[in-house]
Amino acid sequence: MNKELSTQTTAAAVPALAPQFDLSNPQHLAMRKLMADVYSRHANALERGQEQAAAKYRGMGEGLERVAIYVLADPMLGWLCGSLNIAMNDVVELYRVRAAA
């Protein structure tokens, strides 16, 4: 079997595990920037022990998810924003465990 054909077949057989940003879509690029900003501010607030500020950034993440779903009507972007919210909630739990130790 031809090496090139084998590589193409293998790549096609492996399904994508999660939706990806469409980097040719300006809305995805803009949302990606906002999501990165919210996540980094959230992490910095937790690192400084400012839980109320961190909660504000989690609220912003929820807002981004709602915009993606209801305003932009983009389910893939909504899924990505939802994943951001899950990640931020997981980080809060880790922060609380670390703070309690």
Protein backbone atom coordinates (compact mmCIF):
# COMPACT_ATOMS: atom_id res chain seq x y z
CA MET A 1 0.00 0.00 0.00
CA ASN A 2 1.16 3.48 -0.82
CA LYS A 3 2.39 5.44 2.26
CA GLU A 4 0.41 8.55 1.27
CA LEU A 5 -2.81 6.57 0.86
CA SER A 6 -2.24 4.83 4.20
CA THR A 7 -1.84 8.18 5.98
CA GLN A 8 -4.99 9.58 4.39
CA THR A 9 -7.00 6.49 5.31
CA THR A 10 -5.80 6.60 8.92
CA ALA A 11 -6.57 10.29 9.27
CA ALA A 12 -10.04 9.83 7.82
CA ALA A 13 -10.79 6.88 10.11
CA VAL A 14 -10.10 8.85 13.31
CA PRO A 15 -13.15 10.98 14.16
CA ALA A 16 -12.71 14.45 15.59
CA LEU A 17 -13.05 14.23 19.37
CA ALA A 18 -14.47 17.70 19.80
CA PRO A 19 -15.63 20.63 17.71
CA GLN A 20 -12.91 23.02 16.64
CA PHE A 21 -12.80 26.75 16.06
CA ASP A 22 -13.33 27.61 12.40
CA LEU A 23 -10.40 29.99 11.99
CA SER A 24 -11.78 31.23 8.67
CA ASN A 25 -14.90 32.50 10.49
CA PRO A 26 -14.43 36.02 11.93
CA GLN A 27 -17.01 35.34 14.67
CA HIS A 28 -15.05 32.31 15.84
CA LEU A 29 -11.82 34.30 15.89
CA ALA A 30 -13.40 37.12 17.87
CA MET A 31 -15.05 34.73 20.33
CA ARG A 32 -11.80 32.81 20.75
CA LYS A 33 -10.07 36.03 21.80
CA LEU A 34 -12.86 36.87 24.27
CA MET A 35 -12.83 33.37 25.72
CA ALA A 36 -9.06 33.46 26.24
CA ASP A 37 -9.35 36.84 27.94
CA VAL A 38 -12.14 35.72 30.28
CA TYR A 39 -10.31 32.50 31.17
CA SER A 40 -7.02 34.23 31.93
CA ARG A 41 -8.70 36.92 34.03
CA HIS A 42 -10.61 34.21 35.91
CA ALA A 43 -7.41 32.28 36.64
CA ASN A 44 -5.59 35.45 37.73
CA ALA A 45 -8.45 36.40 40.07
CA LEU A 46 -8.34 32.96 41.70
CA GLU A 47 -4.57 33.14 42.03
CA ARG A 48 -4.92 36.47 43.87
CA GLY A 49 -7.66 35.02 46.10
CA GLN A 50 -10.39 37.25 44.66
CA GLU A 51 -13.28 34.80 44.48
CA GLN A 52 -15.91 37.47 43.77
CA ALA A 53 -13.96 38.71 40.76
CA ALA A 54 -13.55 35.11 39.58
CA ALA A 55 -17.32 34.60 39.87
CA LYS A 56 -17.81 37.69 37.71
CA TYR A 57 -15.62 36.16 35.00
CA ARG A 58 -17.54 32.86 35.20
CA GLY A 59 -20.69 34.91 34.61
CA MET A 60 -19.05 36.48 31.57
CA GLY A 61 -18.28 32.99 30.29
CA GLU A 62 -21.93 32.05 30.67
CA GLY A 63 -22.85 35.21 28.78
CA LEU A 64 -20.51 34.26 25.93
CA GLU A 65 -22.18 30.86 25.71
CA ARG A 66 -25.64 32.44 25.52
CA VAL A 67 -24.50 34.87 22.83
CA ALA A 68 -23.07 32.01 20.79
CA ILE A 69 -26.28 29.97 21.07
CA TYR A 70 -29.04 32.59 20.94
CA VAL A 71 -27.56 35.55 19.09
CA LEU A 72 -25.04 33.98 16.72
CA ALA A 73 -27.06 30.74 16.44
CA ASP A 74 -23.81 28.78 16.24
CA PRO A 75 -24.09 25.46 18.09
CA MET A 76 -20.40 24.64 17.64
CA LEU A 77 -19.37 27.94 19.18
CA GLY A 78 -21.93 27.39 21.94
CA TRP A 79 -20.37 24.00 22.68
CA LEU A 80 -16.90 25.54 22.85
CA CYS A 81 -18.09 28.28 25.21
CA GLY A 82 -19.85 25.66 27.34
CA SER A 83 -16.55 23.79 27.56
CA LEU A 84 -14.91 27.01 28.77
CA ASN A 85 -17.51 27.30 31.53
CA ILE A 86 -16.97 23.70 32.61
CA ALA A 87 -13.20 24.30 32.71
CA MET A 88 -13.60 27.45 34.82
CA ASN A 89 -15.88 25.62 37.28
CA ASP A 90 -13.35 22.79 37.53
CA VAL A 91 -10.57 25.29 38.24
CA VAL A 92 -12.65 26.84 41.04
CA GLU A 93 -13.05 23.42 42.66
CA LEU A 94 -9.30 22.82 42.43
CA TYR A 95 -8.64 26.26 43.91
CA ARG A 96 -10.94 25.55 46.85
CA VAL A 97 -9.31 22.19 47.54
CA ARG A 98 -5.86 23.80 47.41
CA ALA A 99 -6.98 26.67 49.66
CA ALA A 100 -8.43 24.22 52.21
CA ALA A 101 -5.20 22.19 52.36
